[in-house]
Amino acid sequence: MYNVLLAILSAMVARLDFAGLAFLIASNLRVPWIKRIRPTHAQLLILASKLKHGDLLFGRRDWFLKNLLVPGRYKHVCVWDAERQLVLEFQDSGYEENTLGRFVTRYTEVAAFGTGFTPEYASKFIEMMRSFHSKLYDKKYSKNTEALYCSESVHAADVDKILQYEVTEIFWFEVFIPDELTKLPTVKKLFTVKKPNLIYIS
């Protein structure tokens, strides 16, 4: 992650992009006293029961000041594999498969949205997502590399482009913003979880 931050910093200084420089600084500033979600085992079972194969999970960390600058409420998106009860996602380390509990406890707020995929397409979507297991994390957020970042992996796995998910321009970058997925007409909100352990079922 720090390599891309240095690269962006150099580019911003060269272009005298002070707005972008402010974004870069805020991306790494944290508010350390904000607590994460701490759900009980029973609550995790309730959440899992609301999710279907191929649904989307979103995360927000309130301790990052970049929340004031990056568009949208949620800064991370991943995919739910209901058959194996695992979260499929791209992080700085690359492709990961995590339990729902491990995913939820990383954030101060989590939301789930149903994709409305048919069972057949959901399986195809998950299979494609899992095929990315050897790909690296795209630290440059570029469309011209084999590497992927979280929201880009969702776009790539949606082979038939049912979600109709498009890029957004931030400064001079064209990126897939996770929160834009929540605004699509084809998705439906399932639940929200907020710190410390409150659940809101839609």
N, C-alpha and C. Protein backbone atom coordinates (compact mmCIF):
# COMPACT_ATOMS: atom_id res chain seq x y z
N MET A 1 0.84 -1.21 0.00
CA MET A 1 0.00 0.00 0.00
C MET A 1 0.87 1.26 0.00
N TYR A 2 2.00 1.20 0.75
CA TYR A 2 2.83 2.39 0.86
C TYR A 2 3.53 2.72 -0.46
N ASN A 3 3.79 1.71 -1.29
CA ASN A 3 4.40 1.98 -2.58
C ASN A 3 3.50 2.84 -3.45
N VAL A 4 2.20 2.48 -3.47
CA VAL A 4 1.27 3.26 -4.28
C VAL A 4 1.08 4.66 -3.70
N LEU A 5 1.13 4.78 -2.38
CA LEU A 5 0.99 6.10 -1.77
C LEU A 5 2.16 6.99 -2.16
N LEU A 6 3.36 6.40 -2.17
CA LEU A 6 4.53 7.18 -2.57
C LEU A 6 4.46 7.57 -4.04
N ALA A 7 3.97 6.64 -4.87
CA ALA A 7 3.84 6.92 -6.30
C ALA A 7 2.85 8.05 -6.54
N ILE A 8 1.72 7.99 -5.85
CA ILE A 8 0.71 9.04 -6.00
C ILE A 8 1.23 10.36 -5.47
N LEU A 9 1.97 10.30 -4.35
CA LEU A 9 2.54 11.51 -3.77
C LEU A 9 3.48 12.19 -4.76
N SER A 10 4.35 11.40 -5.39
CA SER A 10 5.29 11.95 -6.37
C SER A 10 4.56 12.59 -7.54
N ALA A 11 3.51 11.90 -8.02
CA ALA A 11 2.74 12.42 -9.14
C ALA A 11 2.03 13.71 -8.77
N MET A 12 1.53 13.76 -7.54
CA MET A 12 0.79 14.95 -7.11
C MET A 12 1.72 16.15 -6.96
N VAL A 13 2.90 15.89 -6.40
CA VAL A 13 3.86 16.98 -6.24
C VAL A 13 4.27 17.50 -7.61
N ALA A 14 4.49 16.57 -8.56
CA ALA A 14 4.89 16.97 -9.91
C ALA A 14 3.81 17.81 -10.57
N ARG A 15 2.56 17.47 -10.28
CA ARG A 15 1.45 18.18 -10.92
C ARG A 15 0.90 19.30 -10.05
N LEU A 16 1.49 19.47 -8.87
CA LEU A 16 1.02 20.47 -7.91
C LEU A 16 -0.46 20.29 -7.62
N ASP A 17 -0.85 19.02 -7.45
CA ASP A 17 -2.25 18.70 -7.17
C ASP A 17 -2.45 18.68 -5.66
N PHE A 18 -2.73 19.84 -5.08
CA PHE A 18 -2.80 19.95 -3.64
C PHE A 18 -4.05 19.29 -3.06
N ALA A 19 -5.13 19.28 -3.84
CA ALA A 19 -6.34 18.57 -3.39
C ALA A 19 -6.06 17.09 -3.29
N GLY A 20 -5.36 16.55 -4.28
CA GLY A 20 -5.00 15.14 -4.24
C GLY A 20 -4.03 14.84 -3.12
N LEU A 21 -3.11 15.76 -2.85
CA LEU A 21 -2.16 15.57 -1.77
C LEU A 21 -2.88 15.52 -0.42
N ALA A 22 -3.89 16.35 -0.26
CA ALA A 22 -4.68 16.33 0.98
C ALA A 22 -5.39 15.00 1.14
N PHE A 23 -5.88 14.45 0.02
CA PHE A 23 -6.53 13.15 0.05
C PHE A 23 -5.55 12.07 0.49
N LEU A 24 -4.34 12.12 -0.04
CA LEU A 24 -3.33 11.13 0.29
C LEU A 24 -3.00 11.15 1.78
N ILE A 25 -2.82 12.34 2.33
CA ILE A 25 -2.50 12.47 3.75
C ILE A 25 -3.64 11.94 4.61
N ALA A 26 -4.86 12.33 4.26
CA ALA A 26 -6.02 11.91 5.05
C ALA A 26 -6.23 10.41 4.97
N SER A 27 -5.79 9.77 3.89
CA SER A 27 -5.97 8.34 3.72
C SER A 27 -5.23 7.54 4.79
N ASN A 28 -4.22 8.16 5.39
CA ASN A 28 -3.39 7.43 6.35
C ASN A 28 -3.50 7.96 7.77
N LEU A 29 -4.40 8.90 7.99
CA LEU A 29 -4.62 9.42 9.34
C LEU A 29 -5.76 8.66 10.00
N ARG A 30 -5.55 8.23 11.22
CA ARG A 30 -6.56 7.44 11.91
C ARG A 30 -7.00 8.13 13.20
N VAL A 31 -8.21 7.80 13.61
CA VAL A 31 -8.73 8.22 14.90
C VAL A 31 -8.72 6.96 15.77
N PRO A 32 -7.70 6.76 16.59
CA PRO A 32 -7.45 5.47 17.23
C PRO A 32 -8.46 5.01 18.28
N TRP A 33 -9.24 5.92 18.86
CA TRP A 33 -10.12 5.52 19.95
C TRP A 33 -11.48 4.99 19.50
N ILE A 34 -11.75 5.02 18.20
CA ILE A 34 -13.04 4.51 17.71
C ILE A 34 -13.03 2.99 17.73
N LYS A 35 -14.07 2.39 18.29
CA LYS A 35 -14.13 0.95 18.44
C LYS A 35 -14.72 0.26 17.22
N ARG A 36 -14.35 -1.00 17.05
CA ARG A 36 -14.86 -1.80 15.94
C ARG A 36 -16.12 -2.56 16.37
N ILE A 37 -16.77 -3.17 15.39
CA ILE A 37 -17.95 -4.00 15.67
C ILE A 37 -17.52 -5.25 16.45
N ARG A 38 -18.31 -5.62 17.42
CA ARG A 38 -18.03 -6.83 18.20
C ARG A 38 -19.32 -7.66 18.31
N PRO A 39 -19.71 -8.34 17.24
CA PRO A 39 -20.96 -9.13 17.26
C PRO A 39 -20.80 -10.42 18.04
N THR A 40 -21.89 -10.91 18.56
CA THR A 40 -21.89 -12.21 19.23
C THR A 40 -22.00 -13.31 18.18
N HIS A 41 -21.77 -14.55 18.60
CA HIS A 41 -21.89 -15.68 17.67
C HIS A 41 -23.32 -15.79 17.16
N ALA A 42 -24.30 -15.56 18.04
CA ALA A 42 -25.71 -15.64 17.65
C ALA A 42 -26.03 -14.58 16.60
N GLN A 43 -25.47 -13.38 16.76
CA GLN A 43 -25.71 -12.32 15.79
C GLN A 43 -25.10 -12.65 14.43
N LEU A 44 -23.93 -13.27 14.43
CA LEU A 44 -23.30 -13.67 13.18
C LEU A 44 -24.15 -14.70 12.45
N LEU A 45 -24.77 -15.60 13.20
CA LEU A 45 -25.66 -16.60 12.59
C LEU A 45 -26.87 -15.93 11.94
N ILE A 46 -27.38 -14.89 12.60
CA ILE A 46 -28.51 -14.14 12.04
C ILE A 46 -28.10 -13.47 10.72
N LEU A 47 -26.93 -12.85 10.73
CA LEU A 47 -26.44 -12.17 9.53
C LEU A 47 -26.25 -13.16 8.39
N ALA A 48 -25.62 -14.29 8.68
CA ALA A 48 -25.37 -15.30 7.64
C ALA A 48 -26.67 -15.82 7.05
N SER A 49 -27.70 -15.90 7.88
CA SER A 49 -28.99 -16.42 7.40
C SER A 49 -29.67 -15.46 6.43
N LYS A 50 -29.27 -14.19 6.46
CA LYS A 50 -29.85 -13.18 5.58
C LYS A 50 -29.14 -13.11 4.23
N LEU A 51 -27.98 -13.76 4.12
CA LEU A 51 -27.16 -13.65 2.92
C LEU A 51 -27.39 -14.82 1.97
N LYS A 52 -27.34 -14.53 0.69
CA LYS A 52 -27.44 -15.56 -0.34
C LYS A 52 -26.14 -15.61 -1.14
N HIS A 53 -25.98 -16.68 -1.85
CA HIS A 53 -24.81 -16.90 -2.68
C HIS A 53 -24.63 -15.72 -3.66
N GLY A 54 -23.45 -15.08 -3.61
CA GLY A 54 -23.17 -13.98 -4.53
C GLY A 54 -23.59 -12.61 -4.05
N ASP A 55 -24.10 -12.50 -2.82
CA ASP A 55 -24.44 -11.18 -2.29
C ASP A 55 -23.17 -10.39 -1.96
N LEU A 56 -23.34 -9.07 -1.79
CA LEU A 56 -22.19 -8.19 -1.57
C LEU A 56 -22.16 -7.67 -0.13
N LEU A 57 -20.96 -7.62 0.43
CA LEU A 57 -20.74 -7.07 1.77
C LEU A 57 -19.85 -5.84 1.65
N PHE A 58 -20.20 -4.80 2.42
CA PHE A 58 -19.47 -3.54 2.38
C PHE A 58 -18.95 -3.19 3.77
N GLY A 59 -17.77 -2.57 3.83
CA GLY A 59 -17.21 -2.20 5.11
C GLY A 59 -16.81 -0.73 5.17
N ARG A 60 -16.91 -0.17 6.37
CA ARG A 60 -16.50 1.22 6.62
C ARG A 60 -15.71 1.26 7.92
N ARG A 61 -14.58 1.95 7.88
CA ARG A 61 -13.76 2.16 9.08
C ARG A 61 -13.80 3.64 9.44
N ASP A 62 -14.44 3.98 10.54
CA ASP A 62 -14.61 5.38 10.92
C ASP A 62 -13.31 6.03 11.36
N TRP A 63 -12.28 5.23 11.65
CA TRP A 63 -11.05 5.83 12.15
C TRP A 63 -10.15 6.37 11.04
N PHE A 64 -10.51 6.16 9.77
CA PHE A 64 -9.75 6.73 8.67
C PHE A 64 -10.36 8.07 8.26
N LEU A 65 -9.57 9.14 8.31
CA LEU A 65 -10.08 10.45 7.95
C LEU A 65 -10.36 10.59 6.46
N LYS A 66 -9.90 9.63 5.66
CA LYS A 66 -10.17 9.69 4.21
C LYS A 66 -11.67 9.54 3.93
N ASN A 67 -12.44 9.10 4.94
CA ASN A 67 -13.88 9.00 4.76
C ASN A 67 -14.49 10.36 4.41
N LEU A 68 -13.79 11.43 4.79
CA LEU A 68 -14.29 12.77 4.50
C LEU A 68 -14.05 13.15 3.04
N LEU A 69 -13.16 12.42 2.36
CA LEU A 69 -12.76 12.80 1.01
C LEU A 69 -13.19 11.81 -0.06
N VAL A 70 -13.20 10.52 0.28
CA VAL A 70 -13.56 9.50 -0.71
C VAL A 70 -15.07 9.45 -0.85
N PRO A 71 -15.60 9.50 -2.07
CA PRO A 71 -17.05 9.48 -2.27
C PRO A 71 -17.70 8.22 -1.70
N GLY A 72 -18.89 8.39 -1.12
CA GLY A 72 -19.65 7.24 -0.65
C GLY A 72 -19.37 6.87 0.79
N ARG A 73 -20.27 6.12 1.36
CA ARG A 73 -20.15 5.72 2.75
C ARG A 73 -19.18 4.55 2.94
N TYR A 74 -19.25 3.58 2.04
CA TYR A 74 -18.45 2.36 2.21
C TYR A 74 -17.24 2.38 1.29
N LYS A 75 -16.08 1.97 1.85
CA LYS A 75 -14.82 2.04 1.11
C LYS A 75 -14.30 0.66 0.70
N HIS A 76 -14.99 -0.38 1.07
CA HIS A 76 -14.54 -1.74 0.73
C HIS A 76 -15.75 -2.60 0.40
N VAL A 77 -15.59 -3.47 -0.59
CA VAL A 77 -16.66 -4.38 -0.98
C VAL A 77 -16.08 -5.77 -1.20
N CYS A 78 -16.86 -6.78 -0.89
CA CYS A 78 -16.44 -8.16 -1.12
C CYS A 78 -17.68 -9.01 -1.40
N VAL A 79 -17.46 -10.29 -1.63
CA VAL A 79 -18.51 -11.19 -2.10
C VAL A 79 -18.73 -12.33 -1.11
N TRP A 80 -19.99 -12.71 -0.92
CA TRP A 80 -20.34 -13.78 0.02
C TRP A 80 -20.51 -15.11 -0.71
N ASP A 81 -19.72 -16.09 -0.27
CA ASP A 81 -19.82 -17.46 -0.78
C ASP A 81 -20.66 -18.25 0.22
N ALA A 82 -21.96 -18.38 -0.05
CA ALA A 82 -22.88 -19.01 0.90
C ALA A 82 -22.63 -20.51 1.04
N GLU A 83 -22.16 -21.14 0.00
CA GLU A 83 -21.93 -22.59 0.06
C GLU A 83 -20.83 -22.94 1.04
N ARG A 84 -19.80 -22.10 1.08
CA ARG A 84 -18.68 -22.36 1.98
C ARG A 84 -18.67 -21.42 3.19
N GLN A 85 -19.68 -20.53 3.25
CA GLN A 85 -19.79 -19.58 4.36
C GLN A 85 -18.51 -18.77 4.53
N LEU A 86 -18.03 -18.20 3.41
CA LEU A 86 -16.80 -17.43 3.43
C LEU A 86 -16.97 -16.11 2.68
N VAL A 87 -16.20 -15.11 3.08
CA VAL A 87 -16.14 -13.81 2.42
C VAL A 87 -14.95 -13.83 1.46
N LEU A 88 -15.19 -13.53 0.19
CA LEU A 88 -14.15 -13.49 -0.82
C LEU A 88 -13.81 -12.02 -1.10
N GLU A 89 -12.54 -11.67 -0.97
CA GLU A 89 -12.21 -10.25 -1.08
C GLU A 89 -10.77 -10.03 -1.52
N PHE A 90 -10.51 -8.80 -1.96
CA PHE A 90 -9.16 -8.36 -2.30
C PHE A 90 -8.74 -7.30 -1.30
N GLN A 91 -7.59 -7.57 -0.63
CA GLN A 91 -7.00 -6.60 0.28
C GLN A 91 -5.57 -6.32 -0.17
N ASP A 92 -4.82 -5.57 0.63
CA ASP A 92 -3.45 -5.22 0.25
C ASP A 92 -2.59 -6.46 0.00
N SER A 93 -2.90 -7.54 0.68
CA SER A 93 -2.11 -8.77 0.53
C SER A 93 -2.56 -9.59 -0.69
N GLY A 94 -3.65 -9.18 -1.34
CA GLY A 94 -4.17 -9.91 -2.49
C GLY A 94 -5.50 -10.57 -2.18
N TYR A 95 -5.79 -11.65 -2.89
CA TYR A 95 -7.06 -12.37 -2.71
C TYR A 95 -7.08 -13.05 -1.36
N GLU A 96 -8.20 -12.95 -0.65
CA GLU A 96 -8.36 -13.59 0.65
C GLU A 96 -9.74 -14.22 0.77
N GLU A 97 -9.83 -15.25 1.59
CA GLU A 97 -11.10 -15.86 1.97
C GLU A 97 -11.17 -15.83 3.49
N ASN A 98 -12.16 -15.14 4.02
CA ASN A 98 -12.28 -14.97 5.46
C ASN A 98 -13.66 -15.37 5.97
N THR A 99 -13.73 -15.68 7.26
CA THR A 99 -15.03 -15.95 7.87
C THR A 99 -15.80 -14.64 7.99
N LEU A 100 -17.10 -14.76 8.14
CA LEU A 100 -17.93 -13.56 8.30
C LEU A 100 -17.53 -12.81 9.56
N GLY A 101 -17.24 -13.53 10.63
CA GLY A 101 -16.85 -12.89 11.88
C GLY A 101 -15.57 -12.09 11.75
N ARG A 102 -14.59 -12.65 11.07
CA ARG A 102 -13.33 -11.94 10.89
C ARG A 102 -13.52 -10.70 10.03
N PHE A 103 -14.38 -10.80 9.02
CA PHE A 103 -14.65 -9.63 8.18
C PHE A 103 -15.34 -8.53 8.97
N VAL A 104 -16.41 -8.87 9.66
CA VAL A 104 -17.22 -7.87 10.36
C VAL A 104 -16.41 -7.13 11.42
N THR A 105 -15.56 -7.85 12.15
CA THR A 105 -14.84 -7.23 13.26
C THR A 105 -13.71 -6.30 12.82
N ARG A 106 -13.48 -6.18 11.52
CA ARG A 106 -12.48 -5.24 11.03
C ARG A 106 -13.04 -3.83 10.88
N TYR A 107 -14.35 -3.68 11.02
CA TYR A 107 -15.00 -2.42 10.66
C TYR A 107 -15.83 -1.83 11.79
N THR A 108 -16.19 -0.55 11.60
CA THR A 108 -17.13 0.10 12.52
C THR A 108 -18.54 0.05 11.97
N GLU A 109 -18.66 -0.27 10.69
CA GLU A 109 -19.99 -0.42 10.07
C GLU A 109 -19.88 -1.37 8.89
N VAL A 110 -20.84 -2.27 8.80
CA VAL A 110 -20.90 -3.24 7.70
C VAL A 110 -22.33 -3.24 7.15
N ALA A 111 -22.45 -3.36 5.84
CA ALA A 111 -23.77 -3.47 5.20
C ALA A 111 -23.75 -4.59 4.19
N ALA A 112 -24.89 -5.18 3.96
CA ALA A 112 -25.01 -6.25 2.97
C ALA A 112 -26.10 -5.88 1.97
N PHE A 113 -25.84 -6.18 0.71
CA PHE A 113 -26.79 -5.91 -0.36
C PHE A 113 -26.96 -7.17 -1.21
N GLY A 114 -28.21 -7.50 -1.48
CA GLY A 114 -28.49 -8.64 -2.34
C GLY A 114 -28.32 -8.27 -3.80
N THR A 115 -27.72 -9.15 -4.57
CA THR A 115 -27.50 -8.87 -5.99
C THR A 115 -28.69 -9.25 -6.85
N GLY A 116 -29.54 -10.13 -6.33
CA GLY A 116 -30.68 -10.57 -7.13
C GLY A 116 -30.29 -11.54 -8.23
N PHE A 117 -29.07 -12.08 -8.16
CA PHE A 117 -28.63 -13.04 -9.17
C PHE A 117 -29.44 -14.33 -9.08
N THR A 118 -29.66 -14.98 -10.20
CA THR A 118 -30.25 -16.32 -10.18
C THR A 118 -29.23 -17.26 -9.55
N PRO A 119 -29.67 -18.39 -9.00
CA PRO A 119 -28.71 -19.34 -8.41
C PRO A 119 -27.62 -19.76 -9.39
N GLU A 120 -27.99 -19.93 -10.65
CA GLU A 120 -27.01 -20.34 -11.65
C GLU A 120 -25.96 -19.25 -11.88
N TYR A 121 -26.43 -18.01 -12.00
CA TYR A 121 -25.46 -16.93 -12.25
C TYR A 121 -24.64 -16.62 -11.01
N ALA A 122 -25.25 -16.75 -9.82
CA ALA A 122 -24.51 -16.53 -8.58
C ALA A 122 -23.35 -17.51 -8.48
N SER A 123 -23.59 -18.77 -8.86
CA SER A 123 -22.52 -19.78 -8.84
C SER A 123 -21.41 -19.42 -9.83
N LYS A 124 -21.82 -18.92 -10.99
CA LYS A 124 -20.85 -18.49 -12.01
C LYS A 124 -20.04 -17.30 -11.50
N PHE A 125 -20.72 -16.38 -10.83
CA PHE A 125 -20.09 -15.19 -10.26
C PHE A 125 -19.05 -15.58 -9.21
N ILE A 126 -19.43 -16.49 -8.32
CA ILE A 126 -18.52 -16.95 -7.26
C ILE A 126 -17.35 -17.71 -7.86
N GLU A 127 -17.62 -18.57 -8.81
CA GLU A 127 -16.56 -19.34 -9.46
C GLU A 127 -15.54 -18.42 -10.12
N MET A 128 -16.03 -17.37 -10.77
CA MET A 128 -15.12 -16.41 -11.40
C MET A 128 -14.31 -15.65 -10.34
N MET A 129 -14.97 -15.27 -9.26
CA MET A 129 -14.28 -14.56 -8.19
C MET A 129 -13.16 -15.43 -7.61
N ARG A 130 -13.43 -16.69 -7.41
CA ARG A 130 -12.42 -17.61 -6.86
C ARG A 130 -11.28 -17.85 -7.83
N SER A 131 -11.55 -17.69 -9.12
CA SER A 131 -10.50 -17.90 -10.12
C SER A 131 -9.44 -16.80 -10.06
N PHE A 132 -9.73 -15.73 -9.32
CA PHE A 132 -8.78 -14.63 -9.18
C PHE A 132 -7.78 -14.86 -8.05
N HIS A 133 -7.78 -16.05 -7.45
CA HIS A 133 -7.00 -16.29 -6.23
C HIS A 133 -5.50 -16.04 -6.40
N SER A 134 -4.99 -16.17 -7.61
CA SER A 134 -3.56 -15.97 -7.83
C SER A 134 -3.20 -14.54 -8.23
N LYS A 135 -4.19 -13.70 -8.40
CA LYS A 135 -3.92 -12.32 -8.82
C LYS A 135 -3.46 -11.45 -7.66
N LEU A 136 -2.64 -10.48 -7.97
CA LEU A 136 -2.14 -9.55 -6.96
C LEU A 136 -3.13 -8.41 -6.74
N TYR A 137 -2.96 -7.72 -5.62
CA TYR A 137 -3.77 -6.53 -5.36
C TYR A 137 -3.27 -5.38 -6.22
N ASP A 138 -4.18 -4.67 -6.84
CA ASP A 138 -3.80 -3.57 -7.73
C ASP A 138 -3.56 -2.30 -6.91
N LYS A 139 -2.31 -2.06 -6.57
CA LYS A 139 -1.97 -0.91 -5.74
C LYS A 139 -2.01 0.41 -6.51
N LYS A 140 -2.04 0.32 -7.83
CA LYS A 140 -2.08 1.54 -8.64
C LYS A 140 -3.48 1.85 -9.15
N TYR A 141 -4.44 0.98 -8.85
CA TYR A 141 -5.82 1.17 -9.28
C TYR A 141 -5.89 1.46 -10.78
N SER A 142 -5.19 0.63 -11.54
CA SER A 142 -5.11 0.82 -12.98
C SER A 142 -5.94 -0.22 -13.72
N LYS A 143 -6.57 0.20 -14.80
CA LYS A 143 -7.35 -0.73 -15.62
C LYS A 143 -6.46 -1.52 -16.57
N ASN A 144 -5.19 -1.17 -16.63
CA ASN A 144 -4.29 -1.76 -17.61
C ASN A 144 -3.37 -2.82 -17.03
N THR A 145 -3.74 -3.39 -15.88
CA THR A 145 -2.92 -4.44 -15.28
C THR A 145 -3.79 -5.66 -15.00
N GLU A 146 -3.14 -6.80 -14.74
CA GLU A 146 -3.84 -8.03 -14.38
C GLU A 146 -4.25 -8.02 -12.91
N ALA A 147 -3.62 -7.16 -12.13
CA ALA A 147 -3.94 -7.08 -10.70
C ALA A 147 -5.34 -6.48 -10.51
N LEU A 148 -5.93 -6.74 -9.35
CA LEU A 148 -7.29 -6.28 -9.07
C LEU A 148 -7.37 -5.64 -7.69
N TYR A 149 -8.27 -4.68 -7.55
CA TYR A 149 -8.62 -4.18 -6.22
C TYR A 149 -10.06 -4.59 -5.94
N CYS A 150 -10.55 -4.33 -4.74
CA CYS A 150 -11.80 -4.96 -4.27
C CYS A 150 -12.98 -4.77 -5.21
N SER A 151 -13.31 -3.53 -5.53
CA SER A 151 -14.48 -3.27 -6.37
C SER A 151 -14.25 -3.65 -7.82
N GLU A 152 -13.00 -3.58 -8.25
CA GLU A 152 -12.68 -4.00 -9.62
C GLU A 152 -12.88 -5.51 -9.78
N SER A 153 -12.61 -6.27 -8.73
CA SER A 153 -12.81 -7.73 -8.79
C SER A 153 -14.28 -8.07 -8.94
N VAL A 154 -15.15 -7.28 -8.30
CA VAL A 154 -16.60 -7.50 -8.42
C VAL A 154 -17.03 -7.25 -9.87
N HIS A 155 -16.53 -6.18 -10.45
CA HIS A 155 -16.84 -5.86 -11.84
C HIS A 155 -16.35 -6.96 -12.77
N ALA A 156 -15.14 -7.46 -12.53
CA ALA A 156 -14.56 -8.50 -13.38
C ALA A 156 -15.30 -9.82 -13.24
N ALA A 157 -15.73 -10.15 -12.04
CA ALA A 157 -16.43 -11.42 -11.81
C ALA A 157 -17.84 -11.41 -12.39
N ASP A 158 -18.42 -10.23 -12.52
CA ASP A 158 -19.75 -10.07 -13.12
C ASP A 158 -19.61 -10.11 -14.65
N VAL A 159 -19.37 -11.30 -15.17
CA VAL A 159 -19.02 -11.48 -16.58
C VAL A 159 -20.11 -10.93 -17.51
N ASP A 160 -21.36 -11.17 -17.19
CA ASP A 160 -22.46 -10.72 -18.04
C ASP A 160 -22.86 -9.27 -17.77
N LYS A 161 -22.16 -8.63 -16.85
CA LYS A 161 -22.39 -7.21 -16.50
C LYS A 161 -23.85 -6.94 -16.15
N ILE A 162 -24.41 -7.84 -15.35
CA ILE A 162 -25.78 -7.68 -14.88
C ILE A 162 -25.91 -6.47 -13.95
N LEU A 163 -24.86 -6.22 -13.17
CA LEU A 163 -24.90 -5.10 -12.23
C LEU A 163 -24.80 -3.75 -12.92
N GLN A 164 -24.26 -3.72 -14.15
CA GLN A 164 -24.08 -2.46 -14.89
C GLN A 164 -23.30 -1.45 -14.05
N TYR A 165 -22.20 -1.91 -13.52
CA TYR A 165 -21.33 -1.14 -12.63
C TYR A 165 -20.26 -0.43 -13.46
N GLU A 166 -20.14 0.89 -13.31
CA GLU A 166 -19.23 1.68 -14.14
C GLU A 166 -18.18 2.40 -13.27
N VAL A 167 -17.12 2.85 -13.92
CA VAL A 167 -16.06 3.57 -13.21
C VAL A 167 -16.49 5.00 -12.88
N THR A 168 -15.83 5.57 -11.87
CA THR A 168 -16.05 6.96 -11.46
C THR A 168 -14.70 7.67 -11.53
N GLU A 169 -14.71 8.92 -11.94
CA GLU A 169 -13.46 9.69 -12.02
C GLU A 169 -13.22 10.46 -10.72
N ILE A 170 -12.04 10.23 -10.11
CA ILE A 170 -11.62 10.96 -8.92
C ILE A 170 -10.28 11.61 -9.26
N PHE A 171 -10.22 12.92 -9.15
CA PHE A 171 -9.06 13.66 -9.63
C PHE A 171 -8.85 13.24 -11.09
N TRP A 172 -7.71 12.67 -11.43
CA TRP A 172 -7.53 12.22 -12.81
C TRP A 172 -7.59 10.70 -12.93
N PHE A 173 -8.01 10.01 -11.85
CA PHE A 173 -8.12 8.56 -11.86
C PHE A 173 -9.54 8.12 -12.21
N GLU A 174 -9.64 7.03 -12.95
CA GLU A 174 -10.93 6.37 -13.17
C GLU A 174 -10.92 5.08 -12.36
N VAL A 175 -11.77 5.01 -11.34
CA VAL A 175 -11.77 3.86 -10.44
C VAL A 175 -13.20 3.39 -10.20
N PHE A 176 -13.30 2.13 -9.77
CA PHE A 176 -14.59 1.58 -9.36
C PHE A 176 -14.78 1.89 -7.88
N ILE A 177 -15.73 2.76 -7.56
CA ILE A 177 -15.99 3.15 -6.18
C ILE A 177 -16.93 2.12 -5.55
N PRO A 178 -16.53 1.49 -4.44
CA PRO A 178 -17.39 0.47 -3.82
C PRO A 178 -18.82 0.93 -3.56
N ASP A 179 -18.96 2.15 -3.01
CA ASP A 179 -20.28 2.63 -2.62
C ASP A 179 -21.23 2.80 -3.80
N GLU A 180 -20.69 2.97 -5.00
CA GLU A 180 -21.54 3.12 -6.18
C GLU A 180 -22.36 1.85 -6.43
N LEU A 181 -21.85 0.71 -5.98
CA LEU A 181 -22.60 -0.54 -6.13
C LEU A 181 -23.91 -0.51 -5.34
N THR A 182 -23.91 0.19 -4.21
CA THR A 182 -25.12 0.24 -3.37
C THR A 182 -26.23 1.06 -4.01
N LYS A 183 -25.90 1.85 -5.02
CA LYS A 183 -26.88 2.73 -5.66
C LYS A 183 -27.50 2.12 -6.92
N LEU A 184 -27.03 0.94 -7.29
CA LEU A 184 -27.54 0.32 -8.51
C LEU A 184 -28.97 -0.17 -8.31
N PRO A 185 -29.82 -0.05 -9.32
CA PRO A 185 -31.23 -0.46 -9.18
C PRO A 185 -31.41 -1.97 -9.01
N THR A 186 -30.38 -2.73 -9.36
CA THR A 186 -30.51 -4.19 -9.30
C THR A 186 -30.16 -4.77 -7.94
N VAL A 187 -29.63 -3.95 -7.01
CA VAL A 187 -29.25 -4.47 -5.70
C VAL A 187 -30.23 -3.99 -4.63
N LYS A 188 -30.34 -4.76 -3.55
CA LYS A 188 -31.28 -4.44 -2.48
C LYS A 188 -30.58 -4.59 -1.13
N LYS A 189 -30.74 -3.59 -0.27
CA LYS A 189 -30.10 -3.63 1.04
C LYS A 189 -30.72 -4.71 1.92
N LEU A 190 -29.87 -5.49 2.57
CA LEU A 190 -30.33 -6.58 3.42
C LEU A 190 -30.22 -6.24 4.90
N PHE A 191 -29.07 -5.68 5.30
CA PHE A 191 -28.90 -5.30 6.70
C PHE A 191 -27.71 -4.36 6.85
N THR A 192 -27.67 -3.70 8.02
CA THR A 192 -26.54 -2.86 8.42
C THR A 192 -26.14 -3.25 9.83
N VAL A 193 -24.85 -3.31 10.08
CA VAL A 193 -24.33 -3.57 11.42
C VAL A 193 -23.45 -2.40 11.80
N LYS A 194 -23.69 -1.81 12.98
CA LYS A 194 -22.88 -0.69 13.44
C LYS A 194 -22.30 -1.00 14.81
N LYS A 195 -21.19 -0.33 15.12
CA LYS A 195 -20.53 -0.55 16.40
C LYS A 195 -21.46 -0.17 17.54
N PRO A 196 -21.33 -0.82 18.73
CA PRO A 196 -20.44 -1.97 18.93
C PRO A 196 -21.03 -3.30 18.44
N ASN A 197 -22.35 -3.45 18.52
CA ASN A 197 -22.93 -4.74 18.07
C ASN A 197 -24.41 -4.59 17.73
N LEU A 198 -24.77 -3.48 17.12
CA LEU A 198 -26.18 -3.23 16.78
C LEU A 198 -26.46 -3.67 15.37
N ILE A 199 -27.57 -4.37 15.16
CA ILE A 199 -27.93 -4.90 13.85
C ILE A 199 -29.24 -4.27 13.40
N TYR A 200 -29.26 -3.82 12.16
CA TYR A 200 -30.47 -3.25 11.57
C TYR A 200 -30.82 -4.09 10.35
N ILE A 201 -31.88 -4.85 10.45
CA ILE A 201 -32.32 -5.70 9.35
C ILE A 201 -33.30 -4.92 8.49
N SER A 202 -33.01 -4.84 7.20
CA SER A 202 -33.92 -4.11 6.29
C SER A 202 -35.19 -4.92 6.04
